[in-house]
Amino acid sequence: MIMEASKDTYPHEFGAFLRADGNIIYEIALLPGTIQGDQHTIFQMWQRPIDFSLVGSVHSHPSGNTHPSSQDLLMFSNSGDVHIIVGYPFTISSYSAYNRKGESIDLKIL
């Protein structure tokens, strides 16, 4: 679903939050008012529900680079423990996952 949403918004970024039960991410949560541009996704954080099942974020990089930018790292630091960046061409293997510090983590797709 994330890859298809990223393809649909290309050449703009796609962004959402991740919902998990334990260690299993099972859903994405779209925030109303999210702005998606060529090189940015701006979340209206005041729209984020108080929901402890939200564990992090996902967004796309249309450039194909799945490394976090300085803006990504700032957002990671205050919005959860798991963050996924998917890159063009948005295939099942074109993603990287990071913790809130921007350190690479292992994330398996089930």
C-alpha atoms as a PDB file:
ATOM      1  CA  MET A   1       0.000   0.000   0.000  1.00  0.00           C
ATOM      2  CA  ILE A   2       2.818   2.405   0.858  1.00  0.00           C
ATOM      3  CA  MET A   3       4.563   1.779  -2.444  1.00  0.00           C
ATOM      4  CA  GLU A   4       1.340   2.251  -4.410  1.00  0.00           C
ATOM      5  CA  ALA A   5       0.531   5.490  -2.545  1.00  0.00           C
ATOM      6  CA  SER A   6       4.078   6.700  -3.263  1.00  0.00           C
ATOM      7  CA  LYS A   7       3.644   5.917  -6.967  1.00  0.00           C
ATOM      8  CA  ASP A   8       0.302   7.736  -6.994  1.00  0.00           C
ATOM      9  CA  THR A   9       1.766  10.924  -5.510  1.00  0.00           C
ATOM     10  CA  TYR A  10       4.981  10.850  -7.598  1.00  0.00           C
ATOM     11  CA  PRO A  11       6.724  13.244  -8.336  1.00  0.00           C
ATOM     12  CA  HIS A  12       5.584  14.574  -4.946  1.00  0.00           C
ATOM     13  CA  GLU A  13       6.419  12.936  -1.636  1.00  0.00           C
ATOM     14  CA  PHE A  14       3.919  10.707   0.152  1.00  0.00           C
ATOM     15  CA  GLY A  15       3.756  10.758   3.940  1.00  0.00           C
ATOM     16  CA  ALA A  16       1.825   9.050   6.734  1.00  0.00           C
ATOM     17  CA  PHE A  17       2.203   7.677  10.246  1.00  0.00           C
ATOM     18  CA  LEU A  18       2.628   4.029  11.183  1.00  0.00           C
ATOM     19  CA  ARG A  19       0.284   2.122  13.488  1.00  0.00           C
ATOM     20  CA  ALA A  20       1.528  -1.023  15.232  1.00  0.00           C
ATOM     21  CA  ASP A  21       0.399  -3.739  17.578  1.00  0.00           C
ATOM     22  CA  GLY A  22       3.495  -4.872  19.462  1.00  0.00           C
ATOM     23  CA  ASN A  23       6.265  -5.216  16.896  1.00  0.00           C
ATOM     24  CA  ILE A  24       3.945  -5.529  13.894  1.00  0.00           C
ATOM     25  CA  ILE A  25       3.152  -2.435  11.833  1.00  0.00           C
ATOM     26  CA  TYR A  26      -0.261  -3.104  10.378  1.00  0.00           C
ATOM     27  CA  GLU A  27      -1.660   0.204   9.174  1.00  0.00           C
ATOM     28  CA  ILE A  28      -0.822   3.695   8.014  1.00  0.00           C
ATOM     29  CA  ALA A  29      -2.587   6.760   9.374  1.00  0.00           C
ATOM     30  CA  LEU A  30      -3.046   9.759   7.099  1.00  0.00           C
ATOM     31  CA  LEU A  31      -3.130  13.148   8.804  1.00  0.00           C
ATOM     32  CA  PRO A  32      -5.616  15.705   7.488  1.00  0.00           C
ATOM     33  CA  GLY A  33      -3.974  18.718   5.900  1.00  0.00           C
ATOM     34  CA  THR A  34      -0.663  17.004   5.060  1.00  0.00           C
ATOM     35  CA  ILE A  35       1.186  18.982   2.390  1.00  0.00           C
ATOM     36  CA  GLN A  36       3.094  16.944  -0.177  1.00  0.00           C
ATOM     37  CA  GLY A  37       5.642  18.681  -2.393  1.00  0.00           C
ATOM     38  CA  ASP A  38       8.514  17.786  -4.694  1.00  0.00           C
ATOM     39  CA  GLN A  39      11.018  17.579  -1.833  1.00  0.00           C
ATOM     40  CA  HIS A  40       8.948  17.693   1.331  1.00  0.00           C
ATOM     41  CA  THR A  41       6.021  16.335   3.292  1.00  0.00           C
ATOM     42  CA  ILE A  42       4.672  18.708   5.903  1.00  0.00           C
ATOM     43  CA  PHE A  43       2.536  17.078   8.575  1.00  0.00           C
ATOM     44  CA  GLN A  44       0.040  19.178  10.497  1.00  0.00           C
ATOM     45  CA  MET A  45       1.186  17.708  13.813  1.00  0.00           C
ATOM     46  CA  TRP A  46      -1.704  19.284  15.703  1.00  0.00           C
ATOM     47  CA  GLN A  47      -3.931  16.931  13.676  1.00  0.00           C
ATOM     48  CA  ARG A  48      -2.089  13.866  14.995  1.00  0.00           C
ATOM     49  CA  PRO A  49      -4.410  11.975  17.319  1.00  0.00           C
ATOM     50  CA  ILE A  50      -3.382  10.993  20.819  1.00  0.00           C
ATOM     51  CA  ASP A  51      -2.905   7.368  19.917  1.00  0.00           C
ATOM     52  CA  PHE A  52      -0.168   5.274  21.481  1.00  0.00           C
ATOM     53  CA  SER A  53      -0.375   2.730  18.663  1.00  0.00           C
ATOM     54  CA  LEU A  54       1.270   5.300  16.335  1.00  0.00           C
ATOM     55  CA  VAL A  55       4.929   4.280  16.407  1.00  0.00           C
ATOM     56  CA  GLY A  56       6.547   6.405  13.722  1.00  0.00           C
ATOM     57  CA  SER A  57       6.292   7.623  10.159  1.00  0.00           C
ATOM     58  CA  VAL A  58       6.727   6.697   6.538  1.00  0.00           C
ATOM     59  CA  HIS A  59       7.435   8.973   3.621  1.00  0.00           C
ATOM     60  CA  SER A  60       8.756   8.729   0.107  1.00  0.00           C
ATOM     61  CA  HIS A  61      11.773  10.265  -1.556  1.00  0.00           C
ATOM     62  CA  PRO A  62      10.993  10.668  -5.270  1.00  0.00           C
ATOM     63  CA  SER A  63      14.755  11.007  -5.917  1.00  0.00           C
ATOM     64  CA  GLY A  64      15.258   7.354  -4.958  1.00  0.00           C
ATOM     65  CA  ASN A  65      17.641   8.241  -2.105  1.00  0.00           C
ATOM     66  CA  THR A  66      16.393   6.532   1.050  1.00  0.00           C
ATOM     67  CA  HIS A  67      18.773   8.287   3.455  1.00  0.00           C
ATOM     68  CA  PRO A  68      17.211  10.788   5.880  1.00  0.00           C
ATOM     69  CA  SER A  69      17.710  14.518   5.391  1.00  0.00           C
ATOM     70  CA  SER A  70      18.385  16.870   8.309  1.00  0.00           C
ATOM     71  CA  GLN A  71      14.663  17.747   8.297  1.00  0.00           C
ATOM     72  CA  ASP A  72      13.800  14.030   8.406  1.00  0.00           C
ATOM     73  CA  LEU A  73      16.089  13.531  11.407  1.00  0.00           C
ATOM     74  CA  LEU A  74      14.415  16.383  13.261  1.00  0.00           C
ATOM     75  CA  MET A  75      10.988  14.876  12.646  1.00  0.00           C
ATOM     76  CA  PHE A  76      12.202  11.377  13.586  1.00  0.00           C
ATOM     77  CA  SER A  77      13.467  12.662  16.937  1.00  0.00           C
ATOM     78  CA  ASN A  78      10.027  13.705  18.130  1.00  0.00           C
ATOM     79  CA  SER A  79       7.549  11.429  16.387  1.00  0.00           C
ATOM     80  CA  GLY A  80       8.162   7.795  17.256  1.00  0.00           C
ATOM     81  CA  ASP A  81      10.663   4.956  17.228  1.00  0.00           C
ATOM     82  CA  VAL A  82      10.311   3.589  13.669  1.00  0.00           C
ATOM     83  CA  HIS A  83      10.625   5.591  10.458  1.00  0.00           C
ATOM     84  CA  ILE A  84      10.573   4.283   6.909  1.00  0.00           C
ATOM     85  CA  ILE A  85      11.765   6.090   3.809  1.00  0.00           C
ATOM     86  CA  VAL A  86      10.754   4.560   0.482  1.00  0.00           C
ATOM     87  CA  GLY A  87      12.546   5.545  -2.710  1.00  0.00           C
ATOM     88  CA  TYR A  88      11.738   5.645  -6.377  1.00  0.00           C
ATOM     89  CA  PRO A  89      10.964   3.309  -8.191  1.00  0.00           C
ATOM     90  CA  PHE A  90       8.922   2.230  -5.134  1.00  0.00           C
ATOM     91  CA  THR A  91       9.497  -1.505  -5.306  1.00  0.00           C
ATOM     92  CA  ILE A  92       9.336  -3.952  -2.398  1.00  0.00           C
ATOM     93  CA  SER A  93      13.102  -3.573  -1.879  1.00  0.00           C
ATOM     94  CA  SER A  94      13.462   0.214  -2.239  1.00  0.00           C
ATOM     95  CA  TYR A  95      13.130   1.265   1.383  1.00  0.00           C
ATOM     96  CA  SER A  96      15.222   1.924   4.473  1.00  0.00           C
ATOM     97  CA  ALA A  97      14.159   2.020   8.123  1.00  0.00           C
ATOM     98  CA  TYR A  98      15.529   4.167  10.930  1.00  0.00           C
ATOM     99  CA  ASN A  99      15.078   4.747  14.636  1.00  0.00           C
ATOM    100  CA  ARG A 100      14.384   8.148  16.204  1.00  0.00           C
ATOM    101  CA  LYS A 101      18.137   8.918  16.164  1.00  0.00           C
ATOM    102  CA  GLY A 102      18.375   8.272  12.422  1.00  0.00           C
ATOM    103  CA  GLU A 103      20.274   5.037  12.893  1.00  0.00           C
ATOM    104  CA  SER A 104      19.524   2.273  10.406  1.00  0.00           C
ATOM    105  CA  ILE A 105      17.346  -0.537  11.794  1.00  0.00           C
ATOM    106  CA  ASP A 106      16.295  -3.916  10.428  1.00  0.00           C
ATOM    107  CA  LEU A 107      12.664  -4.001   9.363  1.00  0.00           C
ATOM    108  CA  LYS A 108      11.232  -7.066   7.676  1.00  0.00           C
ATOM    109  CA  ILE A 109       8.147  -7.105   5.486  1.00  0.00           C
ATOM    110  CA  LEU A 110       5.875  -9.996   6.376  1.00  0.00           C
END
